[in-house]
Amino acid sequence: MDLFAFRTAGKVVVGRGALVQAGPEAASLGKGRALVVTDGTMVDLGLVQKLVQNLQANGVEADVFADVEPEPSLKTAIKCAARLQGKGYDLVVGLGGGSCLDVAKAGAAAMEDPQGLPRYLGTNKVPGRKIGLFLIPTTAGTGTEVTPNAIVLDTDKQEKQGIVSPYLYADVSLVDPELTLSKSASVTAATGMDAMTHAIEAFVSRNASPMTDLLALEAVRLIGGSLRKAVADGSDVEAREQVMMGSMLAGMAFANAGLGAVHAIAMALGGFGVTHGRANALMLPYVMRFNRESSPAKFARLAPALGLEVQGLSDDEAGKKAVDAVAVLGKDVGCPQTLKDVGIGPDRFDLLVKKSFDQQRLLANNPRPAGMAELEQICRSALG
């Protein structure tokens, strides 16, 4: 067995009602003043008030930064860091979807030098973190509650970029499936397919390990078996629970194994205004078809995890069956099927390929080498 390492959040509390553990967990770490980083939707739903009351009941003073937008900008992350600077906060609590959690992470990393945040874009550029970090996801998709990544949109360049650092791992993550019950069918579908992408890309990554393989395959099983139910009936808390558990396990897997060409193209699509989950859902089958020949045995292992019967099939046949099943899943839950569906036509094609190629951090993990010509091949197959 090759040498491998594994990291995740310091503590993960999972289960229905986990939100009420925020106050006790903060108090147990000796935290006394928190900034809750969230968005207007969480305020309107009453979740922010519930969290603040829980923190205060446990002796933790709490203020609120509710300015996070969908697909958050670098400017918003800088604004969050500036809100934290010099105010005596010793805890940041991210509450919401991946956007809120990523802004909380970036703000915590840059609170001593908010304007210096752009220097942290990339891998291992954060010098440290001097404030506690709690993350509470309300969507089942990004897995950011257990990863060292924060993704922001540079609006000046119209590019999505990542901050990747072990200092972005949360001290505590609270994973409560009841918090996802308010999500619409479209959000549930897009975030669920985002999580499926994390699982599959981690599983076939060049940096996969026995540990990440176990987590990724279980994530594929959970999401593949329950996403349709969660989309069809948002009140099905059991289905929600399965998808959220899958999302978290997939996050743990890709945080250690890395992601590949699906995410490289999705990051580029984010610069064109395509939301991250929809971009991943769209590109996943096309990239899987491209990658399948790189490791037929691994792709074959995805099939039984997706609930497919593979007895008597060759690895090649089983892998093809897995790719087709993922494509059908995305279609069944209403995700876009072609680039045309998200407004990307031939006039923007060359720029999409170039922006995808710029994501070398991600492409380095892809199981099959993907240069400009290969990315053009993949994207052309997705034009529709």
Foldseek 3Di string as FASTA:
>chain_A
DDDFDFAWFQAEAEEAPLLLCPQVVCVVVVFAEEEEQAAPVCVVVCVVVVNQVSNVVNRHHYDYDHHFDAQAALVLLLVLLCVLAPPPGQEYEFEEALRSLLSSLLSQLQNPPSVCSVQQFDEARRPAGRHAYEYEYLALAQLQQIAQKHWHAHLVVLFITIRGYPRSHHNYYYYHLVSNLPDALVRLLLRLLNLLQLLVQLLLWPQHDPQLVVLSLQLLLLSLVQSLVCSVHSNPSVSSSSSNSSSNSSSSSCNRRNGALQQLLLRLVVSVVDRNSLSSLQQVLLVLVVQCVLDLQSLLSSQVSSVHDQPPHDSNVSSVVNSVSSNVSSVSSPGDHAPVVVPDAPVCLLVSLVSSQVPVVHNVTRSDRAHSVNSSVSNVVRHD
